[in-house]
Amino acid sequence: MVGSRNSGTLSVCLYMEKCETVVIIKANDALRHAFNLGKQAKLRLIKVVVRSEELTPNYEYAGTGNWRDDWRATLPECVDAFEPCFILFRLNTITEWILITLV
């Protein structure tokens, strides 16, 4: 999996070696908006799923002043064992993020 940001568009490229297939899935406007809020430290957590061949936010959480409390409060409720997703979780600075991939 390769992520890229090109000309203002966000996309994920999935490459499957066995079948030699490349799939490019682009972020929709709602996800771009969520990323902008995240860059301004207005969101603590963004859960991203693939729907209708687009990356889209499925869950957003603004957060409190303590990332550990937010982690305990949000992660259990936003994770679904049957739904693959990416979870972006911001620590207490604007630039420190944790990426969790669930498949």
N, C-alpha and C. Protein backbone atom coordinates (compact mmCIF):
# COMPACT_ATOMS: atom_id res chain seq x y z
N MET A 1 0.84 -1.16 0.00
CA MET A 1 0.00 0.00 0.00
C MET A 1 0.89 1.23 0.00
N VAL A 2 0.55 2.16 -0.83
CA VAL A 2 1.30 3.40 -0.93
C VAL A 2 0.33 4.56 -0.85
N GLY A 3 0.61 5.53 -0.02
CA GLY A 3 -0.23 6.73 0.05
C GLY A 3 0.46 7.85 -0.68
N SER A 4 -0.32 8.73 -1.27
CA SER A 4 0.29 9.86 -1.96
C SER A 4 -0.59 11.08 -1.85
N ARG A 5 0.04 12.23 -2.01
CA ARG A 5 -0.69 13.49 -2.06
C ARG A 5 -0.15 14.22 -3.27
N ASN A 6 -0.99 14.40 -4.26
CA ASN A 6 -0.55 14.98 -5.52
C ASN A 6 -1.59 15.97 -6.00
N SER A 7 -1.18 17.18 -6.30
CA SER A 7 -2.07 18.21 -6.83
C SER A 7 -3.32 18.40 -5.98
N GLY A 8 -3.16 18.35 -4.67
CA GLY A 8 -4.29 18.59 -3.79
C GLY A 8 -5.23 17.41 -3.63
N THR A 9 -4.92 16.25 -4.23
CA THR A 9 -5.77 15.08 -4.06
C THR A 9 -5.04 14.06 -3.20
N LEU A 10 -5.77 13.42 -2.33
CA LEU A 10 -5.23 12.37 -1.49
C LEU A 10 -5.67 11.04 -2.06
N SER A 11 -4.77 10.08 -2.11
CA SER A 11 -5.15 8.78 -2.65
C SER A 11 -4.35 7.69 -1.98
N VAL A 12 -4.87 6.48 -2.07
CA VAL A 12 -4.18 5.29 -1.59
C VAL A 12 -4.08 4.35 -2.77
N CYS A 13 -2.90 3.83 -3.01
CA CYS A 13 -2.69 2.88 -4.10
C CYS A 13 -2.46 1.51 -3.48
N LEU A 14 -3.29 0.57 -3.81
CA LEU A 14 -3.17 -0.79 -3.31
C LEU A 14 -2.62 -1.67 -4.43
N TYR A 15 -1.54 -2.36 -4.16
CA TYR A 15 -0.94 -3.23 -5.16
C TYR A 15 -0.98 -4.65 -4.64
N MET A 16 -1.59 -5.54 -5.41
CA MET A 16 -1.68 -6.94 -5.03
C MET A 16 -0.80 -7.74 -5.98
N GLU A 17 0.27 -8.29 -5.45
CA GLU A 17 1.28 -8.94 -6.27
C GLU A 17 0.75 -10.14 -7.05
N LYS A 18 -0.05 -10.99 -6.42
CA LYS A 18 -0.51 -12.20 -7.10
C LYS A 18 -1.30 -11.90 -8.36
N CYS A 19 -2.21 -10.94 -8.28
CA CYS A 19 -3.04 -10.68 -9.46
C CYS A 19 -2.55 -9.45 -10.22
N GLU A 20 -1.46 -8.83 -9.75
CA GLU A 20 -0.87 -7.68 -10.42
C GLU A 20 -1.91 -6.60 -10.74
N THR A 21 -2.68 -6.26 -9.74
CA THR A 21 -3.72 -5.25 -9.89
C THR A 21 -3.35 -4.01 -9.08
N VAL A 22 -3.52 -2.87 -9.68
CA VAL A 22 -3.31 -1.62 -8.98
C VAL A 22 -4.65 -0.90 -8.90
N VAL A 23 -5.03 -0.53 -7.70
CA VAL A 23 -6.29 0.18 -7.48
C VAL A 23 -5.96 1.51 -6.81
N ILE A 24 -6.43 2.59 -7.38
CA ILE A 24 -6.22 3.90 -6.77
C ILE A 24 -7.56 4.37 -6.22
N ILE A 25 -7.58 4.62 -4.93
CA ILE A 25 -8.80 5.06 -4.25
C ILE A 25 -8.54 6.46 -3.72
N LYS A 26 -9.34 7.42 -4.15
CA LYS A 26 -9.11 8.81 -3.77
C LYS A 26 -9.99 9.22 -2.60
N ALA A 27 -9.51 10.19 -1.85
CA ALA A 27 -10.27 10.74 -0.73
C ALA A 27 -11.40 11.61 -1.26
N ASN A 28 -12.55 11.52 -0.61
CA ASN A 28 -13.66 12.39 -1.01
C ASN A 28 -13.55 13.73 -0.29
N ASP A 29 -14.45 14.65 -0.60
CA ASP A 29 -14.39 16.00 -0.02
C ASP A 29 -14.54 15.98 1.50
N ALA A 30 -15.37 15.09 2.01
CA ALA A 30 -15.57 15.02 3.46
C ALA A 30 -14.28 14.62 4.18
N LEU A 31 -13.50 13.72 3.58
CA LEU A 31 -12.24 13.31 4.19
C LEU A 31 -11.20 14.42 4.09
N ARG A 32 -11.16 15.10 2.96
CA ARG A 32 -10.23 16.24 2.83
C ARG A 32 -10.55 17.30 3.89
N HIS A 33 -11.84 17.53 4.12
CA HIS A 33 -12.24 18.49 5.15
C HIS A 33 -11.80 18.01 6.54
N ALA A 34 -11.99 16.72 6.83
CA ALA A 34 -11.58 16.16 8.12
C ALA A 34 -10.06 16.29 8.30
N PHE A 35 -9.29 16.04 7.23
CA PHE A 35 -7.83 16.19 7.32
C PHE A 35 -7.46 17.64 7.63
N ASN A 36 -8.15 18.58 7.00
CA ASN A 36 -7.87 19.99 7.29
C ASN A 36 -8.16 20.33 8.74
N LEU A 37 -9.25 19.80 9.28
CA LEU A 37 -9.55 20.01 10.70
C LEU A 37 -8.48 19.36 11.58
N GLY A 38 -8.02 18.19 11.18
CA GLY A 38 -6.96 17.51 11.93
C GLY A 38 -5.67 18.30 11.93
N LYS A 39 -5.33 18.91 10.80
CA LYS A 39 -4.11 19.72 10.72
C LYS A 39 -4.20 20.97 11.59
N GLN A 40 -5.42 21.38 11.92
CA GLN A 40 -5.62 22.54 12.80
C GLN A 40 -5.82 22.11 14.25
N ALA A 41 -5.62 20.84 14.54
CA ALA A 41 -5.79 20.26 15.88
C ALA A 41 -7.23 20.36 16.37
N LYS A 42 -8.19 20.35 15.44
CA LYS A 42 -9.60 20.39 15.82
C LYS A 42 -10.21 19.00 15.90
N LEU A 43 -9.48 17.99 15.41
CA LEU A 43 -9.93 16.60 15.54
C LEU A 43 -8.82 15.78 16.17
N ARG A 44 -9.19 14.88 17.06
CA ARG A 44 -8.24 13.96 17.69
C ARG A 44 -8.19 12.65 16.91
N LEU A 45 -9.33 12.21 16.37
CA LEU A 45 -9.40 10.90 15.72
C LEU A 45 -10.22 11.00 14.44
N ILE A 46 -9.72 10.35 13.40
CA ILE A 46 -10.45 10.22 12.13
C ILE A 46 -10.41 8.75 11.74
N LYS A 47 -11.57 8.15 11.61
CA LYS A 47 -11.66 6.76 11.12
C LYS A 47 -12.02 6.83 9.64
N VAL A 48 -11.23 6.17 8.80
CA VAL A 48 -11.40 6.22 7.35
C VAL A 48 -11.77 4.84 6.83
N VAL A 49 -12.80 4.78 6.00
CA VAL A 49 -13.21 3.52 5.37
C VAL A 49 -13.30 3.74 3.86
N VAL A 50 -13.37 2.63 3.12
CA VAL A 50 -13.57 2.69 1.67
C VAL A 50 -15.04 2.43 1.40
N ARG A 51 -15.68 3.39 0.74
CA ARG A 51 -17.08 3.26 0.35
C ARG A 51 -17.24 3.81 -1.05
N SER A 52 -17.90 3.06 -1.89
CA SER A 52 -18.16 3.49 -3.28
C SER A 52 -16.87 3.94 -3.96
N GLU A 53 -15.81 3.17 -3.75
CA GLU A 53 -14.50 3.43 -4.36
C GLU A 53 -13.93 4.79 -3.99
N GLU A 54 -14.22 5.24 -2.76
CA GLU A 54 -13.66 6.49 -2.23
C GLU A 54 -13.24 6.26 -0.78
N LEU A 55 -12.21 7.01 -0.36
CA LEU A 55 -11.85 7.05 1.05
C LEU A 55 -12.76 8.08 1.70
N THR A 56 -13.45 7.69 2.75
CA THR A 56 -14.41 8.59 3.39
C THR A 56 -14.32 8.47 4.91
N PRO A 57 -14.53 9.55 5.63
CA PRO A 57 -14.52 9.44 7.09
C PRO A 57 -15.78 8.75 7.59
N ASN A 58 -15.61 7.84 8.53
CA ASN A 58 -16.73 7.10 9.09
C ASN A 58 -17.00 7.54 10.52
N TYR A 59 -15.99 8.10 11.17
CA TYR A 59 -16.11 8.51 12.57
C TYR A 59 -15.08 9.60 12.81
N GLU A 60 -15.50 10.66 13.49
CA GLU A 60 -14.59 11.75 13.86
C GLU A 60 -14.81 12.08 15.33
N TYR A 61 -13.73 12.46 15.99
CA TYR A 61 -13.82 12.81 17.41
C TYR A 61 -12.95 14.03 17.65
N ALA A 62 -13.54 15.07 18.23
CA ALA A 62 -12.81 16.32 18.47
C ALA A 62 -11.77 16.16 19.57
N GLY A 63 -12.09 15.45 20.61
CA GLY A 63 -11.12 15.19 21.66
C GLY A 63 -11.15 16.19 22.80
N THR A 64 -10.35 15.86 23.81
CA THR A 64 -10.18 16.70 24.99
C THR A 64 -8.72 17.10 25.05
N GLY A 65 -8.28 17.58 26.18
CA GLY A 65 -6.88 17.96 26.31
C GLY A 65 -5.94 16.81 26.60
N ASN A 66 -6.47 15.61 26.83
CA ASN A 66 -5.65 14.47 27.22
C ASN A 66 -5.82 13.33 26.22
N TRP A 67 -4.78 13.06 25.45
CA TRP A 67 -4.90 12.04 24.40
C TRP A 67 -5.11 10.65 24.99
N ARG A 68 -4.55 10.36 26.15
CA ARG A 68 -4.72 9.03 26.75
C ARG A 68 -6.19 8.76 27.10
N ASP A 69 -6.84 9.76 27.67
CA ASP A 69 -8.27 9.62 27.98
C ASP A 69 -9.08 9.46 26.70
N ASP A 70 -8.73 10.23 25.68
CA ASP A 70 -9.43 10.13 24.39
C ASP A 70 -9.23 8.76 23.76
N TRP A 71 -8.02 8.22 23.88
CA TRP A 71 -7.71 6.89 23.34
C TRP A 71 -8.64 5.85 23.98
N ARG A 72 -8.71 5.87 25.31
CA ARG A 72 -9.56 4.91 26.03
C ARG A 72 -11.04 5.10 25.71
N ALA A 73 -11.45 6.33 25.52
CA ALA A 73 -12.87 6.62 25.28
C ALA A 73 -13.32 6.31 23.86
N THR A 74 -12.44 6.46 22.88
CA THR A 74 -12.88 6.38 21.48
C THR A 74 -12.53 5.08 20.77
N LEU A 75 -11.36 4.55 21.01
CA LEU A 75 -10.93 3.39 20.22
C LEU A 75 -11.87 2.20 20.33
N PRO A 76 -12.28 1.79 21.53
CA PRO A 76 -13.18 0.63 21.59
C PRO A 76 -14.49 0.83 20.84
N GLU A 77 -15.04 2.04 20.88
CA GLU A 77 -16.34 2.24 20.25
C GLU A 77 -16.26 2.45 18.74
N CYS A 78 -15.12 2.86 18.21
CA CYS A 78 -15.07 3.12 16.76
C CYS A 78 -14.54 1.93 15.96
N VAL A 79 -14.00 0.92 16.63
CA VAL A 79 -13.46 -0.24 15.92
C VAL A 79 -14.55 -1.30 15.75
N ASP A 80 -14.69 -1.76 14.51
CA ASP A 80 -15.64 -2.83 14.19
C ASP A 80 -14.84 -3.97 13.57
N ALA A 81 -14.93 -5.15 14.14
CA ALA A 81 -14.13 -6.29 13.67
C ALA A 81 -14.45 -6.68 12.23
N PHE A 82 -15.59 -6.26 11.71
CA PHE A 82 -16.00 -6.66 10.37
C PHE A 82 -15.84 -5.55 9.34
N GLU A 83 -15.23 -4.43 9.74
CA GLU A 83 -15.09 -3.30 8.82
C GLU A 83 -13.62 -2.88 8.73
N PRO A 84 -12.94 -3.17 7.61
CA PRO A 84 -11.57 -2.71 7.45
C PRO A 84 -11.53 -1.17 7.46
N CYS A 85 -10.48 -0.63 8.07
CA CYS A 85 -10.40 0.82 8.14
C CYS A 85 -8.98 1.27 8.45
N PHE A 86 -8.78 2.58 8.30
CA PHE A 86 -7.59 3.27 8.77
C PHE A 86 -8.06 4.18 9.90
N ILE A 87 -7.32 4.22 10.99
CA ILE A 87 -7.64 5.15 12.07
C ILE A 87 -6.43 6.06 12.25
N LEU A 88 -6.68 7.34 12.16
CA LEU A 88 -5.66 8.35 12.41
C LEU A 88 -5.96 8.97 13.76
N PHE A 89 -5.01 8.86 14.68
CA PHE A 89 -5.21 9.35 16.04
C PHE A 89 -4.10 10.34 16.36
N ARG A 90 -4.50 11.58 16.69
CA ARG A 90 -3.53 12.64 16.97
C ARG A 90 -3.16 12.65 18.45
N LEU A 91 -1.86 12.74 18.71
CA LEU A 91 -1.40 12.89 20.08
C LEU A 91 -1.59 14.36 20.48
N ASN A 92 -0.86 14.86 21.47
CA ASN A 92 -1.12 16.22 21.96
C ASN A 92 -0.50 17.33 21.12
N THR A 93 0.24 16.99 20.08
CA THR A 93 0.77 18.03 19.20
C THR A 93 0.06 17.93 17.85
N ILE A 94 0.22 18.95 17.05
CA ILE A 94 -0.43 18.96 15.73
C ILE A 94 0.23 17.96 14.79
N THR A 95 1.53 17.71 14.97
CA THR A 95 2.27 16.90 13.99
C THR A 95 2.44 15.44 14.37
N GLU A 96 2.07 15.03 15.56
CA GLU A 96 2.25 13.63 15.97
C GLU A 96 0.94 12.86 15.84
N TRP A 97 0.94 11.92 14.89
CA TRP A 97 -0.25 11.11 14.62
C TRP A 97 0.14 9.64 14.67
N ILE A 98 -0.80 8.81 15.08
CA ILE A 98 -0.65 7.36 15.03
C ILE A 98 -1.59 6.86 13.93
N LEU A 99 -1.07 6.01 13.05
CA LEU A 99 -1.89 5.39 12.00
C LEU A 99 -2.11 3.93 12.38
N ILE A 100 -3.37 3.55 12.47
CA ILE A 100 -3.74 2.17 12.77
C ILE A 100 -4.47 1.62 11.55
N THR A 101 -4.05 0.47 11.06
CA THR A 101 -4.70 -0.16 9.92
C THR A 101 -5.35 -1.45 10.39
N LEU A 102 -6.65 -1.57 10.17
CA LEU A 102 -7.39 -2.77 10.56
C LEU A 102 -7.97 -3.42 9.31
N VAL A 103 -7.62 -4.67 9.09
CA VAL A 103 -8.15 -5.40 7.93
C VAL A 103 -8.79 -6.69 8.38
